[in-house]
PDB file of all heavy atoms in Angstrom:
ATOM      1  N   THR A   1      10.570 -13.594   3.065  1.00  0.00           N
ATOM      2  CA  THR A   1      10.350 -15.009   2.763  1.00  0.00           C
ATOM      3  C   THR A   1      10.441 -15.247   1.253  1.00  0.00           C
ATOM      4  O   THR A   1       9.870 -14.482   0.479  1.00  0.00           O
ATOM      5  CB  THR A   1       8.975 -15.440   3.264  1.00  0.00           C
ATOM      6  OG1 THR A   1       8.901 -15.188   4.669  1.00  0.00           O
ATOM      7  CG2 THR A   1       8.734 -16.914   3.017  1.00  0.00           C
ATOM      8  N   GLY A   2      11.155 -16.311   0.864  1.00  0.00           N
ATOM      9  CA  GLY A   2      11.348 -16.583  -0.554  1.00  0.00           C
ATOM     10  C   GLY A   2      12.540 -15.828  -1.125  1.00  0.00           C
ATOM     11  O   GLY A   2      12.717 -15.770  -2.338  1.00  0.00           O
ATOM     12  N   ASP A   3      13.339 -15.238  -0.235  1.00  0.00           N
ATOM     13  CA  ASP A   3      14.528 -14.496  -0.643  1.00  0.00           C
ATOM     14  C   ASP A   3      14.210 -13.290  -1.506  1.00  0.00           C
ATOM     15  O   ASP A   3      15.004 -12.888  -2.363  1.00  0.00           O
ATOM     16  CB  ASP A   3      15.534 -15.400  -1.371  1.00  0.00           C
ATOM     17  CG  ASP A   3      16.174 -16.399  -0.421  1.00  0.00           C
ATOM     18  OD1 ASP A   3      16.225 -16.112   0.793  1.00  0.00           O
ATOM     19  OD2 ASP A   3      16.604 -17.456  -0.880  1.00  0.00           O
ATOM     20  N   THR A   4      13.053 -12.719  -1.300  1.00  0.00           N
ATOM     21  CA  THR A   4      12.709 -11.467  -1.979  1.00  0.00           C
ATOM     22  C   THR A   4      13.473 -10.335  -1.313  1.00  0.00           C
ATOM     23  O   THR A   4      13.449 -10.187  -0.091  1.00  0.00           O
ATOM     24  CB  THR A   4      11.213 -11.191  -1.875  1.00  0.00           C
ATOM     25  OG1 THR A   4      10.491 -12.264  -2.466  1.00  0.00           O
ATOM     26  CG2 THR A   4      10.857  -9.898  -2.591  1.00  0.00           C
ATOM     27  N   ILE A   5      14.156  -9.533  -2.126  1.00  0.00           N
ATOM     28  CA  ILE A   5      14.955  -8.436  -1.597  1.00  0.00           C
ATOM     29  C   ILE A   5      14.411  -7.112  -2.127  1.00  0.00           C
ATOM     30  O   ILE A   5      14.130  -6.983  -3.317  1.00  0.00           O
ATOM     31  CB  ILE A   5      16.433  -8.582  -1.983  1.00  0.00           C
ATOM     32  CG1 ILE A   5      17.022  -9.841  -1.331  1.00  0.00           C
ATOM     33  CG2 ILE A   5      17.225  -7.351  -1.554  1.00  0.00           C
ATOM     34  CD1 ILE A   5      18.472 -10.115  -1.699  1.00  0.00           C
ATOM     35  N   ASN A   6      14.284  -6.166  -1.227  1.00  0.00           N
ATOM     36  CA  ASN A   6      13.847  -4.819  -1.614  1.00  0.00           C
ATOM     37  C   ASN A   6      14.785  -3.783  -1.021  1.00  0.00           C
ATOM     38  O   ASN A   6      15.260  -3.926   0.106  1.00  0.00           O
ATOM     39  CB  ASN A   6      12.425  -4.550  -1.121  1.00  0.00           C
ATOM     40  CG  ASN A   6      11.408  -5.327  -1.907  1.00  0.00           C
ATOM     41  OD1 ASN A   6      11.157  -5.049  -3.083  1.00  0.00           O
ATOM     42  ND2 ASN A   6      10.808  -6.333  -1.285  1.00  0.00           N
ATOM     43  N   TYR A   7      15.032  -2.751  -1.799  1.00  0.00           N
ATOM     44  CA  TYR A   7      15.879  -1.656  -1.379  1.00  0.00           C
ATOM     45  C   TYR A   7      15.131  -0.338  -1.501  1.00  0.00           C
ATOM     46  O   TYR A   7      14.288  -0.164  -2.395  1.00  0.00           O
ATOM     47  CB  TYR A   7      17.141  -1.575  -2.256  1.00  0.00           C
ATOM     48  CG  TYR A   7      18.084  -2.733  -2.148  1.00  0.00           C
ATOM     49  CD1 TYR A   7      18.057  -3.762  -3.078  1.00  0.00           C
ATOM     50  CD2 TYR A   7      19.020  -2.802  -1.123  1.00  0.00           C
ATOM     51  CE1 TYR A   7      18.927  -4.834  -2.988  1.00  0.00           C
ATOM     52  CE2 TYR A   7      19.907  -3.872  -1.018  1.00  0.00           C
ATOM     53  CZ  TYR A   7      19.837  -4.888  -1.962  1.00  0.00           C
ATOM     54  OH  TYR A   7      20.717  -5.946  -1.874  1.00  0.00           O
ATOM     55  N   ALA A   8      15.488   0.594  -0.627  1.00  0.00           N
ATOM     56  CA  ALA A   8      15.007   1.957  -0.820  1.00  0.00           C
ATOM     57  C   ALA A   8      15.601   2.501  -2.117  1.00  0.00           C
ATOM     58  O   ALA A   8      16.748   2.171  -2.467  1.00  0.00           O
ATOM     59  CB  ALA A   8      15.435   2.829   0.351  1.00  0.00           C
ATOM     60  N   ASP A   9      14.856   3.313  -2.824  1.00  0.00           N
ATOM     61  CA  ASP A   9      15.342   3.855  -4.089  1.00  0.00           C
ATOM     62  C   ASP A   9      16.662   4.600  -3.907  1.00  0.00           C
ATOM     63  O   ASP A   9      17.528   4.583  -4.789  1.00  0.00           O
ATOM     64  CB  ASP A   9      14.300   4.797  -4.690  1.00  0.00           C
ATOM     65  CG  ASP A   9      13.096   4.063  -5.240  1.00  0.00           C
ATOM     66  OD1 ASP A   9      13.197   2.833  -5.467  1.00  0.00           O
ATOM     67  OD2 ASP A   9      12.058   4.704  -5.449  1.00  0.00           O
ATOM     68  N   SER A  10      16.819   5.226  -2.769  1.00  0.00           N
ATOM     69  CA  SER A  10      17.992   6.059  -2.525  1.00  0.00           C
ATOM     70  C   SER A  10      19.289   5.255  -2.384  1.00  0.00           C
ATOM     71  O   SER A  10      20.378   5.826  -2.464  1.00  0.00           O
ATOM     72  CB  SER A  10      17.790   6.909  -1.269  1.00  0.00           C
ATOM     73  OG  SER A  10      17.560   6.088  -0.151  1.00  0.00           O
ATOM     74  N   VAL A  11      19.172   3.929  -2.171  1.00  0.00           N
ATOM     75  CA  VAL A  11      20.390   3.125  -1.972  1.00  0.00           C
ATOM     76  C   VAL A  11      20.572   2.070  -3.045  1.00  0.00           C
ATOM     77  O   VAL A  11      21.587   1.359  -3.037  1.00  0.00           O
ATOM     78  CB  VAL A  11      20.394   2.460  -0.573  1.00  0.00           C
ATOM     79  CG1 VAL A  11      20.171   3.495   0.521  1.00  0.00           C
ATOM     80  CG2 VAL A  11      19.376   1.340  -0.488  1.00  0.00           C
ATOM     81  N   LYS A  12      19.628   1.943  -3.955  1.00  0.00           N
ATOM     82  CA  LYS A  12      19.733   0.933  -5.016  1.00  0.00           C
ATOM     83  C   LYS A  12      21.017   1.129  -5.807  1.00  0.00           C
ATOM     84  O   LYS A  12      21.370   2.254  -6.189  1.00  0.00           O
ATOM     85  CB  LYS A  12      18.532   1.013  -5.950  1.00  0.00           C
ATOM     86  CG  LYS A  12      17.264   0.398  -5.379  1.00  0.00           C
ATOM     87  CD  LYS A  12      16.100   0.509  -6.370  1.00  0.00           C
ATOM     88  CE  LYS A  12      14.840  -0.099  -5.769  1.00  0.00           C
ATOM     89  NZ  LYS A  12      13.678   0.069  -6.679  1.00  0.00           N
ATOM     90  N   GLY A  13      21.701   0.007  -6.043  1.00  0.00           N
ATOM     91  CA  GLY A  13      22.948   0.058  -6.792  1.00  0.00           C
ATOM     92  C   GLY A  13      24.162   0.381  -5.941  1.00  0.00           C
ATOM     93  O   GLY A  13      25.296   0.272  -6.411  1.00  0.00           O
ATOM     94  N   ARG A  14      23.938   0.778  -4.695  1.00  0.00           N
ATOM     95  CA  ARG A  14      25.067   1.121  -3.812  1.00  0.00           C
ATOM     96  C   ARG A  14      25.141   0.189  -2.595  1.00  0.00           C
ATOM     97  O   ARG A  14      26.242  -0.104  -2.121  1.00  0.00           O
ATOM     98  CB  ARG A  14      24.907   2.570  -3.305  1.00  0.00           C
ATOM     99  CG  ARG A  14      24.903   3.599  -4.420  1.00  0.00           C
ATOM    100  CD  ARG A  14      24.970   5.013  -3.857  1.00  0.00           C
ATOM    101  NE  ARG A  14      23.817   5.346  -3.019  1.00  0.00           N
ATOM    102  CZ  ARG A  14      23.912   5.722  -1.759  1.00  0.00           C
ATOM    103  NH1 ARG A  14      25.088   5.819  -1.152  1.00  0.00           N
ATOM    104  NH2 ARG A  14      22.814   6.033  -1.069  1.00  0.00           N
ATOM    105  N   PHE A  15      23.998  -0.241  -2.096  1.00  0.00           N
ATOM    106  CA  PHE A  15      23.944  -1.082  -0.896  1.00  0.00           C
ATOM    107  C   PHE A  15      23.535  -2.496  -1.282  1.00  0.00           C
ATOM    108  O   PHE A  15      22.730  -2.694  -2.209  1.00  0.00           O
ATOM    109  CB  PHE A  15      22.927  -0.542   0.103  1.00  0.00           C
ATOM    110  CG  PHE A  15      23.305   0.751   0.782  1.00  0.00           C
ATOM    111  CD1 PHE A  15      24.364   1.531   0.332  1.00  0.00           C
ATOM    112  CD2 PHE A  15      22.569   1.196   1.866  1.00  0.00           C
ATOM    113  CE1 PHE A  15      24.696   2.722   0.944  1.00  0.00           C
ATOM    114  CE2 PHE A  15      22.895   2.383   2.507  1.00  0.00           C
ATOM    115  CZ  PHE A  15      23.954   3.158   2.043  1.00  0.00           C
ATOM    116  N   THR A  16      24.049  -3.478  -0.538  1.00  0.00           N
ATOM    117  CA  THR A  16      23.688  -4.871  -0.756  1.00  0.00           C
ATOM    118  C   THR A  16      23.417  -5.540   0.586  1.00  0.00           C
ATOM    119  O   THR A  16      24.281  -5.498   1.479  1.00  0.00           O
ATOM    120  CB  THR A  16      24.802  -5.630  -1.484  1.00  0.00           C
ATOM    121  OG1 THR A  16      25.085  -4.981  -2.738  1.00  0.00           O
ATOM    122  CG2 THR A  16      24.379  -7.071  -1.759  1.00  0.00           C
ATOM    123  N   ILE A  17      22.269  -6.164   0.710  1.00  0.00           N
ATOM    124  CA  ILE A  17      21.920  -6.906   1.928  1.00  0.00           C
ATOM    125  C   ILE A  17      22.141  -8.390   1.660  1.00  0.00           C
ATOM    126  O   ILE A  17      21.894  -8.884   0.548  1.00  0.00           O
ATOM    127  CB  ILE A  17      20.460  -6.636   2.353  1.00  0.00           C
ATOM    128  CG1 ILE A  17      20.172  -7.289   3.716  1.00  0.00           C
ATOM    129  CG2 ILE A  17      19.473  -7.096   1.286  1.00  0.00           C
ATOM    130  CD1 ILE A  17      18.812  -6.898   4.292  1.00  0.00           C
ATOM    131  N   SER A  18      22.635  -9.090   2.675  1.00  0.00           N
ATOM    132  CA  SER A  18      22.855 -10.519   2.541  1.00  0.00           C
ATOM    133  C   SER A  18      22.772 -11.162   3.922  1.00  0.00           C
ATOM    134  O   SER A  18      22.815 -10.470   4.943  1.00  0.00           O
ATOM    135  CB  SER A  18      24.209 -10.813   1.890  1.00  0.00           C
ATOM    136  OG  SER A  18      25.269 -10.325   2.704  1.00  0.00           O
ATOM    137  N   GLY A  19      22.662 -12.489   3.914  1.00  0.00           N
ATOM    138  CA  GLY A  19      22.581 -13.217   5.169  1.00  0.00           C
ATOM    139  C   GLY A  19      23.446 -14.452   5.152  1.00  0.00           C
ATOM    140  O   GLY A  19      23.655 -15.051   4.091  1.00  0.00           O
ATOM    141  N   ASP A  20      23.950 -14.824   6.303  1.00  0.00           N
ATOM    142  CA  ASP A  20      24.754 -16.035   6.463  1.00  0.00           C
ATOM    143  C   ASP A  20      24.166 -16.794   7.642  1.00  0.00           C
ATOM    144  O   ASP A  20      24.388 -16.428   8.800  1.00  0.00           O
ATOM    145  CB  ASP A  20      26.216 -15.666   6.708  1.00  0.00           C
ATOM    146  CG  ASP A  20      27.126 -16.881   6.797  1.00  0.00           C
ATOM    147  OD1 ASP A  20      26.644 -17.982   7.130  1.00  0.00           O
ATOM    148  OD2 ASP A  20      28.343 -16.734   6.536  1.00  0.00           O
ATOM    149  N   ASN A  21      23.419 -17.877   7.346  1.00  0.00           N
ATOM    150  CA  ASN A  21      22.739 -18.569   8.432  1.00  0.00           C
ATOM    151  C   ASN A  21      23.717 -19.296   9.336  1.00  0.00           C
ATOM    152  O   ASN A  21      23.476 -19.410  10.541  1.00  0.00           O
ATOM    153  CB  ASN A  21      21.711 -19.556   7.887  1.00  0.00           C
ATOM    154  CG  ASN A  21      20.838 -20.116   8.982  1.00  0.00           C
ATOM    155  OD1 ASN A  21      20.281 -19.365   9.786  1.00  0.00           O
ATOM    156  ND2 ASN A  21      20.733 -21.435   9.045  1.00  0.00           N
ATOM    157  N   ALA A  22      24.831 -19.760   8.784  1.00  0.00           N
ATOM    158  CA  ALA A  22      25.826 -20.458   9.616  1.00  0.00           C
ATOM    159  C   ALA A  22      26.354 -19.531  10.716  1.00  0.00           C
ATOM    160  O   ALA A  22      26.660 -19.975  11.823  1.00  0.00           O
ATOM    161  CB  ALA A  22      26.970 -20.968   8.748  1.00  0.00           C
ATOM    162  N   LYS A  23      26.450 -18.251  10.387  1.00  0.00           N
ATOM    163  CA  LYS A  23      26.913 -17.268  11.360  1.00  0.00           C
ATOM    164  C   LYS A  23      25.753 -16.526  12.021  1.00  0.00           C
ATOM    165  O   LYS A  23      25.979 -15.653  12.859  1.00  0.00           O
ATOM    166  CB  LYS A  23      27.850 -16.265  10.689  1.00  0.00           C
ATOM    167  CG  LYS A  23      29.124 -16.902  10.148  1.00  0.00           C
ATOM    168  CD  LYS A  23      30.037 -15.848   9.519  1.00  0.00           C
ATOM    169  CE  LYS A  23      31.314 -16.501   9.000  1.00  0.00           C
ATOM    170  NZ  LYS A  23      32.221 -15.513   8.369  1.00  0.00           N
ATOM    171  N   ARG A  24      24.528 -16.853  11.598  1.00  0.00           N
ATOM    172  CA  ARG A  24      23.318 -16.199  12.124  1.00  0.00           C
ATOM    173  C   ARG A  24      23.451 -14.686  12.030  1.00  0.00           C
ATOM    174  O   ARG A  24      23.108 -13.946  12.958  1.00  0.00           O
ATOM    175  CB  ARG A  24      23.045 -16.627  13.572  1.00  0.00           C
ATOM    176  CG  ARG A  24      22.754 -18.099  13.707  1.00  0.00           C
ATOM    177  CD  ARG A  24      22.461 -18.501  15.130  1.00  0.00           C
ATOM    178  NE  ARG A  24      23.591 -18.257  16.011  1.00  0.00           N
ATOM    179  CZ  ARG A  24      23.612 -18.578  17.294  1.00  0.00           C
ATOM    180  NH1 ARG A  24      22.552 -19.131  17.847  1.00  0.00           N
ATOM    181  NH2 ARG A  24      24.660 -18.317  18.034  1.00  0.00           N
ATOM    182  N   THR A  25      23.941 -14.235  10.889  1.00  0.00           N
ATOM    183  CA  THR A  25      24.262 -12.826  10.716  1.00  0.00           C
ATOM    184  C   THR A  25      23.679 -12.267   9.428  1.00  0.00           C
ATOM    185  O   THR A  25      23.703 -12.934   8.392  1.00  0.00           O
ATOM    186  CB  THR A  25      25.788 -12.618  10.733  1.00  0.00           C
ATOM    187  OG1 THR A  25      26.315 -13.096  11.981  1.00  0.00           O
ATOM    188  CG2 THR A  25      26.159 -11.154  10.575  1.00  0.00           C
ATOM    189  N   VAL A  26      23.161 -11.053   9.521  1.00  0.00           N
ATOM    190  CA  VAL A  26      22.684 -10.302   8.364  1.00  0.00           C
ATOM    191  C   VAL A  26      23.662  -9.154   8.138  1.00  0.00           C
ATOM    192  O   VAL A  26      24.090  -8.500   9.091  1.00  0.00           O
ATOM    193  CB  VAL A  26      21.285  -9.733   8.615  1.00  0.00           C
ATOM    194  CG1 VAL A  26      20.793  -8.944   7.403  1.00  0.00           C
ATOM    195  CG2 VAL A  26      20.307 -10.850   8.944  1.00  0.00           C
ATOM    196  N   TYR A  27      23.990  -8.924   6.877  1.00  0.00           N
ATOM    197  CA  TYR A  27      24.970  -7.897   6.535  1.00  0.00           C
ATOM    198  C   TYR A  27      24.338  -6.800   5.677  1.00  0.00           C
ATOM    199  O   TYR A  27      23.356  -7.038   4.959  1.00  0.00           O
ATOM    200  CB  TYR A  27      26.130  -8.507   5.757  1.00  0.00           C
ATOM    201  CG  TYR A  27      26.868  -9.602   6.473  1.00  0.00           C
ATOM    202  CD1 TYR A  27      26.604 -10.939   6.169  1.00  0.00           C
ATOM    203  CD2 TYR A  27      27.823  -9.319   7.441  1.00  0.00           C
ATOM    204  CE1 TYR A  27      27.275 -11.959   6.821  1.00  0.00           C
ATOM    205  CE2 TYR A  27      28.508 -10.339   8.095  1.00  0.00           C
ATOM    206  CZ  TYR A  27      28.219 -11.654   7.782  1.00  0.00           C
ATOM    207  OH  TYR A  27      28.892 -12.665   8.431  1.00  0.00           O
TER     208      TYR A  27
END
């Protein structure tokens, strides 16, 4: 909530999470 994003230390800088509500999809 509030668009706070957290990553595991092991993937920081390599993985990106995002969402598209129009497609109801998380990537």
